[in-house]
Amino acid sequence: MASTGLSDRDVTIHHNWDKTQEHRLAALRAPGVGRFIHRSGADEFNPMPLSKRVFDVALVLVLLVPLSLVMFTVALILLVVQGRPIFYSAQRMSAPSRSFTQLKFRTMLLQDGDFGATGAHKHWRITPIGHFLRRTRIDELPQLFNILKGDMSFVGPRPPLREYVERFPAIYTQVLKSRPGVTGLATLIYHRHEDKILARCTSAEATEAAYYRRCLPAKLKIDLIYQRHRNVRMDIWILWHTIKIVISRRDERPRRRRKMSSRRSAG
């Protein structure tokens, strides 16, 4: 695979964010984040360069031919097994001041007032077929229509909730200069680690605290790294490795060199 331009220093993501305070994140002083803000070069990029948009539209049109039958079959099964609604629609942000409706297949039992990240306190709501759809990422297929409409891209930061953007406007102004994606560098590197963290949270309050203090700072840092290096070649690299992880169920996150880890252990 051709080089993507990422260095080991860039993809070394530290998980010791427990002491990160929300006011520090809002002020862009979280450890390691400010350096990438200033060096991201985001102002030099269009949020959707023509080459990226052409790539997205072409790939969507190719994929819709075989996947339309898959989506129809899944929708029919969900209608019979779970009933309506078939789709889960949620308001997400595609830009600091622009929202859109993100589409997924519904994988959870309905509950009024549902919001925020999915921790262990929500696992009982995931239906049996929902577990399969989430594990295989089939629940994400309706987002092909979000991509076709131009609200999303195949690769980019995951679309955030409005409350996160309003809480940390400065950093999301940088992050959302890339169109939100179905997958992304943060998804590739951090997704399973985030799942492990949130799986230990047994209440909505614990889930939100863990997400704000541990997951969000790390993901934002990775999103800013993506800003520095994004191009079509890197998008293809991220897509390819995402597909490999989904198919093989192996965690292939980029890791720091063994030599660096050994040196730290020796110290």
C-alpha atoms as a PDB file:
ATOM      1  CA  MET A   1       0.000   0.000   0.000  1.00  0.00           C
ATOM      2  CA  ALA A   2       1.336   3.421  -0.918  1.00  0.00           C
ATOM      3  CA  SER A   3       2.391   5.752   1.852  1.00  0.00           C
ATOM      4  CA  THR A   4      -0.307   8.083   3.140  1.00  0.00           C
ATOM      5  CA  GLY A   5       2.087  10.656   4.560  1.00  0.00           C
ATOM      6  CA  LEU A   6       1.259   9.791   8.177  1.00  0.00           C
ATOM      7  CA  SER A   7       4.184   9.568  10.572  1.00  0.00           C
ATOM      8  CA  ASP A   8       4.375   7.355  13.664  1.00  0.00           C
ATOM      9  CA  ARG A   9       4.264  10.523  15.735  1.00  0.00           C
ATOM     10  CA  ASP A  10       0.968  11.499  14.112  1.00  0.00           C
ATOM     11  CA  VAL A  11      -0.783   8.180  14.704  1.00  0.00           C
ATOM     12  CA  THR A  12       0.456   7.726  18.279  1.00  0.00           C
ATOM     13  CA  ILE A  13      -2.708   8.482  20.248  1.00  0.00           C
ATOM     14  CA  HIS A  14      -2.355   8.605  24.011  1.00  0.00           C
ATOM     15  CA  HIS A  15      -5.368   7.463  26.019  1.00  0.00           C
ATOM     16  CA  ASN A  16      -4.525   9.140  29.335  1.00  0.00           C
ATOM     17  CA  TRP A  17      -7.146  11.847  28.936  1.00  0.00           C
ATOM     18  CA  ASP A  18      -8.821  11.209  32.313  1.00  0.00           C
ATOM     19  CA  LYS A  19      -7.698  14.567  33.721  1.00  0.00           C
ATOM     20  CA  THR A  20      -8.718  16.559  30.657  1.00  0.00           C
ATOM     21  CA  GLN A  21     -11.110  19.299  31.739  1.00  0.00           C
ATOM     22  CA  GLU A  22     -13.881  20.499  29.465  1.00  0.00           C
ATOM     23  CA  HIS A  23     -12.825  24.154  29.738  1.00  0.00           C
ATOM     24  CA  ARG A  24      -9.332  23.173  28.588  1.00  0.00           C
ATOM     25  CA  LEU A  25     -10.751  21.407  25.555  1.00  0.00           C
ATOM     26  CA  ALA A  26     -13.002  24.333  24.745  1.00  0.00           C
ATOM     27  CA  ALA A  27     -10.012  26.656  24.884  1.00  0.00           C
ATOM     28  CA  LEU A  28      -8.032  24.277  22.638  1.00  0.00           C
ATOM     29  CA  ARG A  29      -5.422  23.648  25.307  1.00  0.00           C
ATOM     30  CA  ALA A  30      -5.989  19.922  25.635  1.00  0.00           C
ATOM     31  CA  PRO A  31      -2.625  18.110  25.520  1.00  0.00           C
ATOM     32  CA  GLY A  32      -1.458  17.663  21.945  1.00  0.00           C
ATOM     33  CA  VAL A  33      -4.509  19.229  20.287  1.00  0.00           C
ATOM     34  CA  GLY A  34      -3.367  22.823  19.936  1.00  0.00           C
ATOM     35  CA  ARG A  35      -0.279  21.813  17.957  1.00  0.00           C
ATOM     36  CA  PHE A  36      -2.445  20.191  15.293  1.00  0.00           C
ATOM     37  CA  ILE A  37      -4.890  23.106  15.219  1.00  0.00           C
ATOM     38  CA  HIS A  38      -2.164  25.542  14.272  1.00  0.00           C
ATOM     39  CA  ARG A  39      -0.501  23.200  11.804  1.00  0.00           C
ATOM     40  CA  SER A  40      -3.617  21.754  10.174  1.00  0.00           C
ATOM     41  CA  GLY A  41      -3.544  24.131   7.227  1.00  0.00           C
ATOM     42  CA  ALA A  42      -7.308  23.745   7.030  1.00  0.00           C
ATOM     43  CA  ASP A  43      -7.871  27.223   5.658  1.00  0.00           C
ATOM     44  CA  GLU A  44      -6.053  26.150   2.511  1.00  0.00           C
ATOM     45  CA  PHE A  45      -8.663  23.498   1.754  1.00  0.00           C
ATOM     46  CA  ASN A  46     -12.162  23.578   0.383  1.00  0.00           C
ATOM     47  CA  PRO A  47     -14.511  21.529   2.646  1.00  0.00           C
ATOM     48  CA  MET A  48     -15.326  19.396  -0.394  1.00  0.00           C
ATOM     49  CA  PRO A  49     -12.614  19.571  -3.084  1.00  0.00           C
ATOM     50  CA  LEU A  50     -13.909  18.711  -6.531  1.00  0.00           C
ATOM     51  CA  SER A  51     -11.752  15.575  -6.744  1.00  0.00           C
ATOM     52  CA  LYS A  52     -13.187  14.276  -3.461  1.00  0.00           C
ATOM     53  CA  ARG A  53     -16.771  15.010  -4.520  1.00  0.00           C
ATOM     54  CA  VAL A  54     -16.275  13.298  -7.893  1.00  0.00           C
ATOM     55  CA  PHE A  55     -14.777  10.283  -6.122  1.00  0.00           C
ATOM     56  CA  ASP A  56     -17.714  10.114  -3.678  1.00  0.00           C
ATOM     57  CA  VAL A  57     -20.434  10.384  -6.321  1.00  0.00           C
ATOM     58  CA  ALA A  58     -18.772   7.871  -8.634  1.00  0.00           C
ATOM     59  CA  LEU A  59     -18.310   5.326  -5.832  1.00  0.00           C
ATOM     60  CA  VAL A  60     -21.874   5.794  -4.562  1.00  0.00           C
ATOM     61  CA  LEU A  61     -23.323   5.168  -8.031  1.00  0.00           C
ATOM     62  CA  VAL A  62     -21.212   2.037  -8.405  1.00  0.00           C
ATOM     63  CA  LEU A  63     -22.156   0.706  -4.954  1.00  0.00           C
ATOM     64  CA  LEU A  64     -25.871   1.451  -5.239  1.00  0.00           C
ATOM     65  CA  VAL A  65     -26.231  -1.124  -8.014  1.00  0.00           C
ATOM     66  CA  PRO A  66     -25.449  -4.187  -5.856  1.00  0.00           C
ATOM     67  CA  LEU A  67     -26.248  -2.671  -2.442  1.00  0.00           C
ATOM     68  CA  SER A  68     -29.750  -1.449  -3.304  1.00  0.00           C
ATOM     69  CA  LEU A  69     -30.908  -5.083  -3.197  1.00  0.00           C
ATOM     70  CA  VAL A  70     -29.165  -5.574   0.151  1.00  0.00           C
ATOM     71  CA  MET A  71     -30.797  -2.452   1.589  1.00  0.00           C
ATOM     72  CA  PHE A  72     -34.231  -3.467   0.296  1.00  0.00           C
ATOM     73  CA  THR A  73     -33.865  -6.922   1.867  1.00  0.00           C
ATOM     74  CA  VAL A  74     -32.695  -5.486   5.194  1.00  0.00           C
ATOM     75  CA  ALA A  75     -35.536  -2.945   5.203  1.00  0.00           C
ATOM     76  CA  LEU A  76     -38.077  -5.710   4.564  1.00  0.00           C
ATOM     77  CA  ILE A  77     -36.656  -7.880   7.362  1.00  0.00           C
ATOM     78  CA  LEU A  78     -36.658  -4.944   9.797  1.00  0.00           C
ATOM     79  CA  LEU A  79     -40.260  -4.123   8.889  1.00  0.00           C
ATOM     80  CA  VAL A  80     -41.352  -7.681   9.664  1.00  0.00           C
ATOM     81  CA  VAL A  81     -39.196  -8.247  12.764  1.00  0.00           C
ATOM     82  CA  GLN A  82     -39.070  -4.805  14.387  1.00  0.00           C
ATOM     83  CA  GLY A  83     -41.843  -2.826  12.738  1.00  0.00           C
ATOM     84  CA  ARG A  84     -41.692   0.873  11.950  1.00  0.00           C
ATOM     85  CA  PRO A  85     -39.686   3.024  11.822  1.00  0.00           C
ATOM     86  CA  ILE A  86     -37.193   1.159   9.656  1.00  0.00           C
ATOM     87  CA  PHE A  87     -34.670   3.973   9.681  1.00  0.00           C
ATOM     88  CA  TYR A  88     -33.042   5.838  12.518  1.00  0.00           C
ATOM     89  CA  SER A  89     -32.771   9.495  11.583  1.00  0.00           C
ATOM     90  CA  ALA A  90     -30.838  11.977  13.676  1.00  0.00           C
ATOM     91  CA  GLN A  91     -29.812  15.590  13.335  1.00  0.00           C
ATOM     92  CA  ARG A  92     -26.065  15.962  12.907  1.00  0.00           C
ATOM     93  CA  MET A  93     -23.826  18.851  11.891  1.00  0.00           C
ATOM     94  CA  SER A  94     -22.117  19.011   8.495  1.00  0.00           C
ATOM     95  CA  ALA A  95     -20.710  22.476   9.237  1.00  0.00           C
ATOM     96  CA  PRO A  96     -20.594  24.670  12.366  1.00  0.00           C
ATOM     97  CA  SER A  97     -23.851  26.361  11.325  1.00  0.00           C
ATOM     98  CA  ARG A  98     -25.474  23.725   9.114  1.00  0.00           C
ATOM     99  CA  SER A  99     -27.274  20.543  10.151  1.00  0.00           C
ATOM    100  CA  PHE A 100     -28.588  17.578   8.190  1.00  0.00           C
ATOM    101  CA  THR A 101     -30.547  14.381   8.813  1.00  0.00           C
ATOM    102  CA  GLN A 102     -28.265  11.375   9.060  1.00  0.00           C
ATOM    103  CA  LEU A 103     -29.832   8.055   8.058  1.00  0.00           C
ATOM    104  CA  LYS A 104     -29.144   4.588   9.445  1.00  0.00           C
ATOM    105  CA  PHE A 105     -31.093   1.381   9.771  1.00  0.00           C
ATOM    106  CA  ARG A 106     -32.721   1.262  13.214  1.00  0.00           C
ATOM    107  CA  THR A 107     -30.910  -1.180  15.501  1.00  0.00           C
ATOM    108  CA  MET A 108     -32.406  -0.313  18.895  1.00  0.00           C
ATOM    109  CA  LEU A 109     -35.755  -0.393  20.636  1.00  0.00           C
ATOM    110  CA  LEU A 110     -37.449   2.985  20.654  1.00  0.00           C
ATOM    111  CA  GLN A 111     -37.229   5.143  23.769  1.00  0.00           C
ATOM    112  CA  ASP A 112     -38.364   8.708  24.307  1.00  0.00           C
ATOM    113  CA  GLY A 113     -35.695  11.211  25.215  1.00  0.00           C
ATOM    114  CA  ASP A 114     -32.817   9.132  23.870  1.00  0.00           C
ATOM    115  CA  PHE A 115     -29.621  11.124  23.360  1.00  0.00           C
ATOM    116  CA  GLY A 116     -25.848  10.962  23.612  1.00  0.00           C
ATOM    117  CA  ALA A 117     -23.299   8.188  23.213  1.00  0.00           C
ATOM    118  CA  THR A 118     -24.185   4.510  23.480  1.00  0.00           C
ATOM    119  CA  GLY A 119     -22.812   3.015  26.675  1.00  0.00           C
ATOM    120  CA  ALA A 120     -23.589  -0.212  28.503  1.00  0.00           C
ATOM    121  CA  HIS A 121     -26.785   1.345  29.868  1.00  0.00           C
ATOM    122  CA  LYS A 122     -28.242   1.212  26.324  1.00  0.00           C
ATOM    123  CA  HIS A 123     -27.089  -2.275  25.331  1.00  0.00           C
ATOM    124  CA  TRP A 124     -30.358  -3.884  26.413  1.00  0.00           C
ATOM    125  CA  ARG A 125     -32.105  -1.842  23.709  1.00  0.00           C
ATOM    126  CA  ILE A 126     -30.039  -3.223  20.833  1.00  0.00           C
ATOM    127  CA  THR A 127     -32.139  -5.836  19.050  1.00  0.00           C
ATOM    128  CA  PRO A 128     -30.709  -9.230  17.988  1.00  0.00           C
ATOM    129  CA  ILE A 129     -30.699  -8.192  14.336  1.00  0.00           C
ATOM    130  CA  GLY A 130     -29.364  -4.813  15.443  1.00  0.00           C
ATOM    131  CA  HIS A 131     -26.247  -6.473  16.867  1.00  0.00           C
ATOM    132  CA  PHE A 132     -25.600  -8.078  13.478  1.00  0.00           C
ATOM    133  CA  LEU A 133     -26.208  -4.852  11.558  1.00  0.00           C
ATOM    134  CA  ARG A 134     -23.856  -2.914  13.839  1.00  0.00           C
ATOM    135  CA  ARG A 135     -21.127  -5.552  13.773  1.00  0.00           C
ATOM    136  CA  THR A 136     -21.141  -5.718   9.967  1.00  0.00           C
ATOM    137  CA  ARG A 137     -21.719  -1.938   9.561  1.00  0.00           C
ATOM    138  CA  ILE A 138     -24.753  -2.697   7.366  1.00  0.00           C
ATOM    139  CA  ASP A 139     -26.709  -0.226   9.491  1.00  0.00           C
ATOM    140  CA  GLU A 140     -24.551   2.514   7.887  1.00  0.00           C
ATOM    141  CA  LEU A 141     -25.628   1.746   4.297  1.00  0.00           C
ATOM    142  CA  PRO A 142     -28.467   4.327   4.136  1.00  0.00           C
ATOM    143  CA  GLN A 143     -25.787   7.007   4.522  1.00  0.00           C
ATOM    144  CA  LEU A 144     -25.006   6.405   0.845  1.00  0.00           C
ATOM    145  CA  PHE A 145     -27.958   8.718   0.214  1.00  0.00           C
ATOM    146  CA  ASN A 146     -26.440  11.314   2.579  1.00  0.00           C
ATOM    147  CA  ILE A 147     -23.265  11.117   0.491  1.00  0.00           C
ATOM    148  CA  LEU A 148     -25.164  11.398  -2.777  1.00  0.00           C
ATOM    149  CA  LYS A 149     -26.979  14.467  -1.452  1.00  0.00           C
ATOM    150  CA  GLY A 150     -23.664  16.053  -0.436  1.00  0.00           C
ATOM    151  CA  ASP A 151     -24.211  16.144   3.334  1.00  0.00           C
ATOM    152  CA  MET A 152     -21.509  13.560   3.949  1.00  0.00           C
ATOM    153  CA  SER A 153     -18.452  11.998   2.361  1.00  0.00           C
ATOM    154  CA  PHE A 154     -17.154   8.434   2.503  1.00  0.00           C
ATOM    155  CA  VAL A 155     -14.196   9.568   4.611  1.00  0.00           C
ATOM    156  CA  GLY A 156     -14.078  12.358   7.172  1.00  0.00           C
ATOM    157  CA  PRO A 157     -14.791  13.087  10.832  1.00  0.00           C
ATOM    158  CA  ARG A 158     -17.906  11.433  12.161  1.00  0.00           C
ATOM    159  CA  PRO A 159     -20.817  13.928  12.109  1.00  0.00           C
ATOM    160  CA  PRO A 160     -21.204  15.421  15.592  1.00  0.00           C
ATOM    161  CA  LEU A 161     -24.253  16.368  17.604  1.00  0.00           C
ATOM    162  CA  ARG A 162     -25.160  20.056  17.675  1.00  0.00           C
ATOM    163  CA  GLU A 163     -24.470  20.212  21.421  1.00  0.00           C
ATOM    164  CA  TYR A 164     -20.830  19.181  20.887  1.00  0.00           C
ATOM    165  CA  VAL A 165     -20.338  21.810  18.189  1.00  0.00           C
ATOM    166  CA  GLU A 166     -21.930  24.502  20.328  1.00  0.00           C
ATOM    167  CA  ARG A 167     -19.871  23.472  23.345  1.00  0.00           C
ATOM    168  CA  PHE A 168     -16.539  23.477  21.493  1.00  0.00           C
ATOM    169  CA  PRO A 169     -17.085  25.865  18.557  1.00  0.00           C
ATOM    170  CA  ALA A 170     -13.434  26.773  17.957  1.00  0.00           C
ATOM    171  CA  ILE A 171     -12.188  23.243  17.486  1.00  0.00           C
ATOM    172  CA  TYR A 172     -15.209  22.101  15.455  1.00  0.00           C
ATOM    173  CA  THR A 173     -14.724  25.078  13.137  1.00  0.00           C
ATOM    174  CA  GLN A 174     -11.457  23.358  12.198  1.00  0.00           C
ATOM    175  CA  VAL A 175     -12.716  19.767  12.234  1.00  0.00           C
ATOM    176  CA  LEU A 176     -15.805  20.454  10.115  1.00  0.00           C
ATOM    177  CA  LYS A 177     -13.759  22.002   7.350  1.00  0.00           C
ATOM    178  CA  SER A 178     -13.752  18.388   6.212  1.00  0.00           C
ATOM    179  CA  ARG A 179     -17.178  17.030   5.240  1.00  0.00           C
ATOM    180  CA  PRO A 180     -18.348  14.421   7.807  1.00  0.00           C
ATOM    181  CA  GLY A 181     -17.705  10.843   6.774  1.00  0.00           C
ATOM    182  CA  VAL A 182     -19.124   7.344   7.112  1.00  0.00           C
ATOM    183  CA  THR A 183     -15.658   6.300   8.232  1.00  0.00           C
ATOM    184  CA  GLY A 184     -12.526   8.228   8.989  1.00  0.00           C
ATOM    185  CA  LEU A 185      -9.102   8.175  10.563  1.00  0.00           C
ATOM    186  CA  ALA A 186     -10.581   8.533  14.062  1.00  0.00           C
ATOM    187  CA  THR A 187     -13.006   5.685  13.357  1.00  0.00           C
ATOM    188  CA  LEU A 188     -10.195   3.494  12.080  1.00  0.00           C
ATOM    189  CA  ILE A 189      -7.831   4.182  14.966  1.00  0.00           C
ATOM    190  CA  TYR A 190     -10.082   4.766  17.960  1.00  0.00           C
ATOM    191  CA  HIS A 191     -13.485   3.126  17.382  1.00  0.00           C
ATOM    192  CA  ARG A 192     -12.876  -0.123  19.241  1.00  0.00           C
ATOM    193  CA  HIS A 193     -11.035   1.592  22.071  1.00  0.00           C
ATOM    194  CA  GLU A 194     -14.033   3.922  22.466  1.00  0.00           C
ATOM    195  CA  ASP A 195     -16.390   0.927  22.533  1.00  0.00           C
ATOM    196  CA  LYS A 196     -14.352  -0.657  25.334  1.00  0.00           C
ATOM    197  CA  ILE A 197     -14.446   2.551  27.381  1.00  0.00           C
ATOM    198  CA  LEU A 198     -18.182   3.092  26.970  1.00  0.00           C
ATOM    199  CA  ALA A 199     -18.982  -0.587  27.536  1.00  0.00           C
ATOM    200  CA  ARG A 200     -17.951  -0.082  31.169  1.00  0.00           C
ATOM    201  CA  CYS A 201     -20.412   2.809  31.660  1.00  0.00           C
ATOM    202  CA  THR A 202     -23.623   1.645  33.294  1.00  0.00           C
ATOM    203  CA  SER A 203     -25.491   4.957  33.371  1.00  0.00           C
ATOM    204  CA  ALA A 204     -26.160   7.855  31.021  1.00  0.00           C
ATOM    205  CA  GLU A 205     -24.181  10.181  33.295  1.00  0.00           C
ATOM    206  CA  ALA A 206     -21.134   7.892  33.358  1.00  0.00           C
ATOM    207  CA  THR A 207     -21.299   7.480  29.585  1.00  0.00           C
ATOM    208  CA  GLU A 208     -21.400  11.209  28.938  1.00  0.00           C
ATOM    209  CA  ALA A 209     -18.562  11.860  31.400  1.00  0.00           C
ATOM    210  CA  ALA A 210     -16.365   9.165  29.814  1.00  0.00           C
ATOM    211  CA  TYR A 211     -17.129  10.378  26.322  1.00  0.00           C
ATOM    212  CA  TYR A 212     -16.356  14.029  27.109  1.00  0.00           C
ATOM    213  CA  ARG A 213     -13.251  13.370  29.187  1.00  0.00           C
ATOM    214  CA  ARG A 214     -11.634  10.442  27.362  1.00  0.00           C
ATOM    215  CA  CYS A 215     -13.097   9.743  23.911  1.00  0.00           C
ATOM    216  CA  LEU A 216     -13.853  13.176  22.488  1.00  0.00           C
ATOM    217  CA  PRO A 217     -10.394  14.755  23.025  1.00  0.00           C
ATOM    218  CA  ALA A 218      -8.636  11.775  21.402  1.00  0.00           C
ATOM    219  CA  LYS A 219     -11.028  11.693  18.438  1.00  0.00           C
ATOM    220  CA  LEU A 220     -10.734  15.426  17.841  1.00  0.00           C
ATOM    221  CA  LYS A 221      -6.962  15.158  17.838  1.00  0.00           C
ATOM    222  CA  ILE A 222      -7.111  12.411  15.186  1.00  0.00           C
ATOM    223  CA  ASP A 223      -9.604  14.430  13.116  1.00  0.00           C
ATOM    224  CA  LEU A 224      -7.140  17.322  13.095  1.00  0.00           C
ATOM    225  CA  ILE A 225      -4.374  14.973  11.961  1.00  0.00           C
ATOM    226  CA  TYR A 226      -6.644  13.947   9.087  1.00  0.00           C
ATOM    227  CA  GLN A 227      -7.019  17.632   8.187  1.00  0.00           C
ATOM    228  CA  ARG A 228      -3.265  17.928   7.764  1.00  0.00           C
ATOM    229  CA  HIS A 229      -2.916  14.958   5.425  1.00  0.00           C
ATOM    230  CA  ARG A 230      -6.230  14.509   3.639  1.00  0.00           C
ATOM    231  CA  ASN A 231      -6.209  13.632  -0.052  1.00  0.00           C
ATOM    232  CA  VAL A 232      -7.841  11.026  -2.278  1.00  0.00           C
ATOM    233  CA  ARG A 233      -4.988   8.552  -1.742  1.00  0.00           C
ATOM    234  CA  MET A 234      -5.398   8.751   2.014  1.00  0.00           C
ATOM    235  CA  ASP A 235      -9.188   8.381   1.734  1.00  0.00           C
ATOM    236  CA  ILE A 236      -8.702   5.184  -0.268  1.00  0.00           C
ATOM    237  CA  TRP A 237      -6.242   3.935   2.378  1.00  0.00           C
ATOM    238  CA  ILE A 238      -8.776   4.580   5.159  1.00  0.00           C
ATOM    239  CA  LEU A 239     -11.604   2.932   3.193  1.00  0.00           C
ATOM    240  CA  TRP A 240      -9.482  -0.122   2.430  1.00  0.00           C
ATOM    241  CA  HIS A 241      -8.432  -0.642   6.038  1.00  0.00           C
ATOM    242  CA  THR A 242     -11.995  -0.071   7.265  1.00  0.00           C
ATOM    243  CA  ILE A 243     -13.243  -2.779   4.892  1.00  0.00           C
ATOM    244  CA  LYS A 244     -10.491  -5.145   6.063  1.00  0.00           C
ATOM    245  CA  ILE A 245     -11.430  -4.624   9.710  1.00  0.00           C
ATOM    246  CA  VAL A 246     -15.156  -5.166   9.039  1.00  0.00           C
ATOM    247  CA  ILE A 247     -14.501  -8.355   7.061  1.00  0.00           C
ATOM    248  CA  SER A 248     -11.786  -9.854   9.258  1.00  0.00           C
ATOM    249  CA  ARG A 249     -13.046  -8.526  12.615  1.00  0.00           C
ATOM    250  CA  ARG A 250      -9.408  -7.772  13.469  1.00  0.00           C
ATOM    251  CA  ASP A 251      -8.232  -4.597  15.149  1.00  0.00           C
ATOM    252  CA  GLU A 252      -5.711  -3.136  12.698  1.00  0.00           C
ATOM    253  CA  ARG A 253      -5.316   0.295  14.227  1.00  0.00           C
ATOM    254  CA  PRO A 254      -1.995   1.960  13.486  1.00  0.00           C
ATOM    255  CA  ARG A 255       0.294   1.607  16.464  1.00  0.00           C
ATOM    256  CA  ARG A 256       3.490   3.218  17.624  1.00  0.00           C
ATOM    257  CA  ARG A 257       6.702   1.395  16.795  1.00  0.00           C
ATOM    258  CA  ARG A 258       7.732  -1.399  19.130  1.00  0.00           C
ATOM    259  CA  LYS A 259      11.081   0.326  19.586  1.00  0.00           C
ATOM    260  CA  MET A 260       9.348   3.413  20.975  1.00  0.00           C
ATOM    261  CA  SER A 261       7.282   1.318  23.377  1.00  0.00           C
ATOM    262  CA  SER A 262      10.356  -0.593  24.544  1.00  0.00           C
ATOM    263  CA  ARG A 263      12.219   2.647  25.138  1.00  0.00           C
ATOM    264  CA  ARG A 264       9.338   3.981  27.260  1.00  0.00           C
ATOM    265  CA  SER A 265       9.177   0.741  29.281  1.00  0.00           C
ATOM    266  CA  ALA A 266      12.896   0.875  29.904  1.00  0.00           C
ATOM    267  CA  GLY A 267      12.547   4.440  31.189  1.00  0.00           C
END
